[in-house]
Protein backbone atom coordinates (compact mmCIF):
# COMPACT_ATOMS: atom_id res chain seq x y z
CA MET A 1 -1.25 31.14 -19.15
CA ILE A 2 -0.54 29.97 -15.47
CA ARG A 3 -3.37 29.44 -13.43
CA LEU A 4 -3.11 30.49 -9.96
CA LYS A 5 -5.26 28.47 -7.30
CA ASN A 6 -7.58 29.89 -4.89
CA ARG A 7 -7.87 28.50 -1.11
CA GLU A 8 -10.75 26.11 -2.30
CA GLU A 9 -9.02 24.70 -5.16
CA LEU A 10 -6.02 23.78 -3.09
CA LYS A 11 -8.33 22.23 -0.74
CA ARG A 12 -9.39 19.55 -3.47
CA MET A 13 -5.51 18.96 -4.74
CA ARG A 14 -5.21 18.70 -0.84
CA VAL A 15 -7.28 15.63 -0.94
CA ALA A 16 -6.12 14.54 -4.37
CA GLY A 17 -2.72 14.37 -2.92
CA ARG A 18 -3.37 12.49 -0.10
CA VAL A 19 -4.91 9.68 -2.31
CA VAL A 20 -1.97 9.77 -4.73
CA SER A 21 -0.18 9.25 -1.51
CA GLU A 22 -2.02 6.51 0.08
CA VAL A 23 -2.22 4.45 -3.38
CA LEU A 24 2.01 4.89 -3.63
CA MET A 25 2.30 3.72 -0.14
CA ARG A 26 0.55 0.57 -0.34
CA LEU A 27 2.33 0.18 -4.24
CA GLU A 28 5.82 0.36 -2.53
CA GLU A 29 4.55 -2.32 0.21
CA GLU A 30 3.68 -4.57 -2.69
CA ALA A 31 6.59 -4.16 -4.80
CA LYS A 32 8.34 -7.14 -4.09
CA GLU A 33 10.21 -9.93 -5.46
CA GLY A 34 8.05 -12.12 -7.60
CA VAL A 35 5.56 -9.53 -7.76
CA THR A 36 4.49 -7.96 -11.57
CA THR A 37 4.28 -4.57 -12.49
CA TRP A 38 0.88 -5.77 -13.91
CA GLU A 39 -0.33 -7.09 -10.22
CA LEU A 40 0.56 -3.79 -8.99
CA ASN A 41 -1.63 -1.75 -11.70
CA GLU A 42 -4.68 -4.28 -11.20
CA ILE A 43 -4.01 -3.03 -6.72
CA ALA A 44 -4.09 0.51 -7.95
CA GLU A 45 -6.98 0.42 -10.14
CA LYS A 46 -8.92 -1.75 -7.44
CA ILE A 47 -8.36 1.34 -4.93
CA CYS A 48 -9.56 3.40 -7.95
CA ALA A 49 -12.82 2.13 -8.12
CA THR A 50 -13.58 1.49 -4.23
CA GLY A 51 -12.53 4.43 -3.43
CA GLY A 52 -14.86 6.08 -6.32
CA PHE A 53 -11.49 8.43 -8.26
CA LYS A 54 -9.86 8.36 -11.68
CA ALA A 55 -6.80 7.28 -12.02
CA ALA A 56 -4.98 10.40 -13.71
CA PHE A 57 -2.89 8.36 -16.88
CA LYS A 58 -5.22 5.96 -17.96
CA GLY A 59 -6.49 7.06 -21.63
CA TYR A 60 -4.56 9.99 -21.17
CA ALA A 61 -2.79 10.33 -25.16
CA ASN A 62 -4.26 6.50 -25.15
CA TYR A 63 -2.07 5.34 -22.43
CA PRO A 64 -3.40 1.70 -21.62
CA ALA A 65 -2.88 1.44 -17.79
CA SER A 66 -3.46 2.99 -14.54
CA VAL A 67 0.19 3.35 -13.11
CA CYS A 68 3.70 4.22 -15.04
CA PHE A 69 5.91 2.01 -13.99
CA ALA A 70 9.90 2.35 -14.95
CA LEU A 71 12.62 -0.95 -14.22
CA ASN A 72 15.61 0.04 -14.20
CA GLU A 73 16.99 0.98 -17.08
CA GLU A 74 13.48 2.21 -17.72
CA ILE A 75 13.22 5.84 -16.79
CA VAL A 76 9.40 6.75 -17.17
CA HIS A 77 6.14 5.54 -18.89
CA GLY A 78 6.72 2.12 -18.64
CA ILE A 79 3.66 -0.18 -19.26
CA PRO A 80 2.78 -2.65 -16.61
CA SER A 81 3.29 -6.22 -17.96
CA LYS A 82 2.45 -9.95 -16.84
CA LYS A 83 6.01 -10.77 -18.27
CA LYS A 84 8.16 -7.87 -15.76
CA VAL A 85 8.48 -9.99 -12.60
CA LEU A 86 10.44 -7.58 -10.05
CA LYS A 87 13.61 -9.49 -8.66
CA ASP A 88 15.92 -9.29 -5.99
CA GLY A 89 18.03 -6.08 -6.93
CA ASP A 90 16.03 -4.64 -9.20
CA ILE A 91 14.71 -1.00 -8.66
CA VAL A 92 11.26 0.42 -10.28
CA GLY A 93 9.57 3.70 -10.78
CA ILE A 94 6.28 3.82 -9.74
CA ASP A 95 4.14 7.21 -11.05
CA PHE A 96 0.67 7.20 -10.51
CA GLY A 97 -1.54 10.16 -10.52
CA VAL A 98 -5.51 11.09 -9.99
CA LEU A 99 -8.13 13.05 -10.83
CA LEU A 100 -10.63 14.07 -8.03
CA ASN A 101 -13.09 16.73 -7.65
CA GLY A 102 -12.17 18.31 -10.58
CA TYR A 103 -8.57 18.79 -9.77
CA TYR A 104 -5.30 16.30 -10.51
CA ALA A 105 -2.57 15.47 -8.03
CA ASP A 106 0.91 13.51 -9.27
CA SER A 107 3.70 11.92 -7.64
CA ALA A 108 6.17 9.54 -8.14
CA ILE A 109 8.72 7.42 -6.04
CA THR A 110 11.88 4.70 -6.86
CA VAL A 111 11.34 1.58 -4.98
CA ALA A 112 14.25 -1.13 -3.83
CA VAL A 113 13.56 -4.29 -4.63
CA GLY A 114 15.04 -6.63 -2.02
CA LYS A 115 19.43 -5.53 -1.75
CA ILE A 116 20.42 -3.40 -4.40
CA ARG A 117 23.52 -2.74 -5.40
CA PRO A 118 25.40 0.38 -3.65
CA VAL A 119 25.06 2.31 -6.82
CA ALA A 120 21.57 1.80 -7.18
CA GLU A 121 21.34 3.14 -3.45
CA LYS A 122 23.38 6.26 -3.81
CA LEU A 123 21.09 6.74 -7.23
CA LEU A 124 18.35 6.71 -4.98
CA ARG A 125 19.23 8.73 -2.28
CA VAL A 126 20.62 11.17 -4.52
CA THR A 127 17.32 11.83 -6.89
CA ARG A 128 15.13 12.11 -3.67
CA ASP A 129 17.28 14.51 -2.20
CA SER A 130 17.18 16.49 -5.21
CA LEU A 131 13.41 16.75 -5.24
CA TYR A 132 13.66 18.06 -1.78
CA ARG A 133 15.92 20.53 -2.60
CA GLY A 134 13.80 21.62 -5.80
CA ILE A 135 10.98 22.08 -3.11
CA ASP A 136 12.94 24.16 -1.09
CA MET A 137 13.59 26.90 -3.94
CA VAL A 138 9.72 27.31 -4.30
CA LYS A 139 9.36 30.43 -2.82
CA SER A 140 8.11 33.84 -3.90
CA SER A 141 11.60 35.63 -4.06
CA ASN A 142 12.77 32.59 -6.59
CA ARG A 143 11.80 32.07 -9.85
CA VAL A 144 11.48 28.69 -11.72
CA LEU A 145 14.85 28.15 -13.15
CA ASP A 146 16.15 28.55 -9.46
CA ILE A 147 14.39 25.05 -9.08
CA SER A 148 16.32 23.88 -11.93
CA LYS A 149 19.35 25.19 -11.08
CA GLU A 150 19.49 23.29 -7.89
CA ILE A 151 18.48 20.06 -8.72
CA GLN A 152 21.02 20.22 -11.53
CA THR A 153 23.73 21.28 -9.87
CA TYR A 154 23.35 18.55 -6.92
CA VAL A 155 22.93 15.89 -9.01
CA GLU A 156 26.03 16.71 -11.41
CA LYS A 157 27.99 17.07 -8.07
CA GLU A 158 27.09 13.66 -7.08
CA GLY A 159 28.42 12.32 -10.22
CA PHE A 160 24.86 11.65 -12.02
CA SER A 161 23.28 12.97 -14.78
CA ILE A 162 19.64 14.80 -15.48
CA VAL A 163 17.58 13.71 -18.25
CA ARG A 164 16.60 16.60 -20.92
CA ASP A 165 13.84 14.98 -22.41
CA PHE A 166 11.08 15.04 -19.82
CA VAL A 167 10.18 18.17 -17.41
CA GLY A 168 8.28 18.52 -14.82
CA HIS A 169 5.02 20.95 -15.20
CA GLY A 170 1.98 22.61 -13.55
CA ILE A 171 -0.85 20.85 -12.13
CA GLY A 172 -4.38 21.43 -11.60
CA ARG A 173 -7.53 21.31 -13.56
CA GLU A 174 -5.31 19.79 -16.23
CA LEU A 175 -2.74 16.95 -15.71
CA HIS A 176 -0.43 19.35 -17.46
CA GLU A 177 -0.89 23.10 -16.81
CA GLU A 178 2.18 25.66 -17.52
CA PRO A 179 4.51 26.51 -16.41
CA GLN A 180 7.36 23.94 -17.64
CA VAL A 181 9.65 22.85 -14.55
CA PRO A 182 12.82 21.86 -15.95
CA ASN A 183 15.54 19.46 -14.03
CA PHE A 184 18.25 21.37 -15.57
CA ILE A 185 19.09 25.00 -16.92
CA PRO A 186 17.75 25.00 -20.59
CA PRO A 187 20.44 26.74 -23.16
CA ASN A 188 17.67 29.59 -23.32
CA GLY A 189 17.75 30.17 -19.77
CA LYS A 190 19.18 33.10 -19.20
CA GLY A 191 16.85 35.50 -16.26
CA GLY A 192 15.80 32.60 -14.61
CA GLY A 193 12.17 31.95 -16.16
CA ILE A 194 8.82 32.78 -14.70
CA ARG A 195 8.66 34.23 -11.18
CA LEU A 196 6.86 32.22 -8.74
CA ARG A 197 3.83 33.43 -7.00
CA SER A 198 1.56 32.46 -4.44
CA GLY A 199 -0.85 30.17 -6.04
CA MET A 200 1.14 28.32 -8.31
CA VAL A 201 0.83 24.46 -8.05
CA MET A 202 3.82 22.23 -9.31
CA ALA A 203 4.75 18.97 -10.21
CA ILE A 204 8.18 18.84 -9.69
CA GLU A 205 9.82 15.54 -10.72
CA PRO A 206 13.96 14.99 -11.36
CA MET A 207 14.64 11.80 -13.29
CA VAL A 208 18.08 10.72 -12.56
CA ASN A 209 20.72 8.35 -14.84
CA GLU A 210 23.53 6.85 -13.49
CA GLY A 211 25.25 7.28 -16.70
CA SER A 212 24.45 9.24 -19.99
CA GLU A 213 21.37 11.96 -19.72
CA LYS A 214 20.12 9.95 -23.36
CA THR A 215 17.42 8.66 -23.77
CA LYS A 216 15.63 6.67 -26.23
CA ILE A 217 11.65 5.52 -26.63
CA LEU A 218 10.99 1.82 -26.79
CA GLU A 219 9.12 -0.07 -29.71
CA ASP A 220 6.02 0.00 -27.34
CA GLY A 221 5.57 4.01 -28.40
CA TRP A 222 6.13 4.90 -24.58
CA THR A 223 8.43 3.55 -22.23
CA ALA A 224 11.75 5.71 -22.16
CA VAL A 225 15.14 4.04 -21.08
CA THR A 226 18.63 5.07 -21.08
CA TYR A 227 20.58 5.37 -24.08
CA ASP A 228 23.21 3.14 -22.45
CA GLY A 229 21.35 0.65 -20.56
CA LYS A 230 22.41 2.22 -17.22
CA LEU A 231 19.76 2.86 -14.30
CA SER A 232 17.80 5.68 -13.40
CA ALA A 233 15.36 6.68 -10.68
CA HIS A 234 12.56 9.18 -10.61
CA PHE A 235 10.86 10.86 -7.66
CA GLU A 236 7.88 13.74 -7.67
CA HIS A 237 5.64 15.59 -5.87
CA THR A 238 2.77 17.76 -6.40
CA VAL A 239 4.10 21.07 -4.54
CA ALA A 240 1.97 24.17 -3.85
CA LEU A 241 3.28 27.61 -3.10
CA THR A 242 1.09 29.04 -0.44
CA ASP A 243 1.99 32.48 1.42
CA ASN A 244 3.62 30.52 3.93
CA GLY A 245 5.97 28.84 1.47
CA PRO A 246 6.27 25.57 -0.40
CA GLU A 247 3.44 22.35 0.51
CA ILE A 248 3.92 19.39 -0.53
CA LEU A 249 0.44 17.70 -1.08
CA THR A 250 1.59 14.29 -2.03
CA GLU A 251 3.70 13.79 0.94
CA ARG A 252 3.62 10.28 2.26
CA ILE A 253 3.09 10.05 6.38
CA HIS A 254 4.54 6.99 7.34
């Protein structure tokens, strides 16, 4: 069942979205050469404790931390570690969400550490642009798979591949709600999927690989990596469909 959000619910989700945005901006600033993903997670946890809100991921399905990191060939759900030290030339995905006043918000960025290779620069640009192209499809005249098609078409035209094993999702009182929002047209995708309606809120999150779309899970049971060891990038926003079109609840204001 899709849970449409009313004006009061969207108001609460805007507040949660703003918190997520502010934490990600801080983590982006701190993601420098020599810093560990453990230290970045500690920063996020201190902000949560000071602000009096709950990190969405900590304890979710027994996930042990507040932030998910994805370093280079890692795609998503990487666990913070004192052994994972950021180096010049790395890219690191940072995925963070909160639960505030009964509602979730969720967002992700991928950050360059120092000077990165041209292919990494292009990967980050294409993944970020694909997210916003998908958001542009969030309108009442469209269906969910219009978002999917726009993302997949653009990414593949640019020479990259879309991860199939993880998809976007509805969000609100629960971290994961209906509908699922794939970043590709699934084999059974005839008809375009569910029609978009005002009041729907979705976490749209393309995960784009430099090489093959195939993935594997490491022994920790969480960290997803590219099967071929090539780079991956991830960008995500929580987006509401309002009577005036899409509203990005986790947009970062610099």
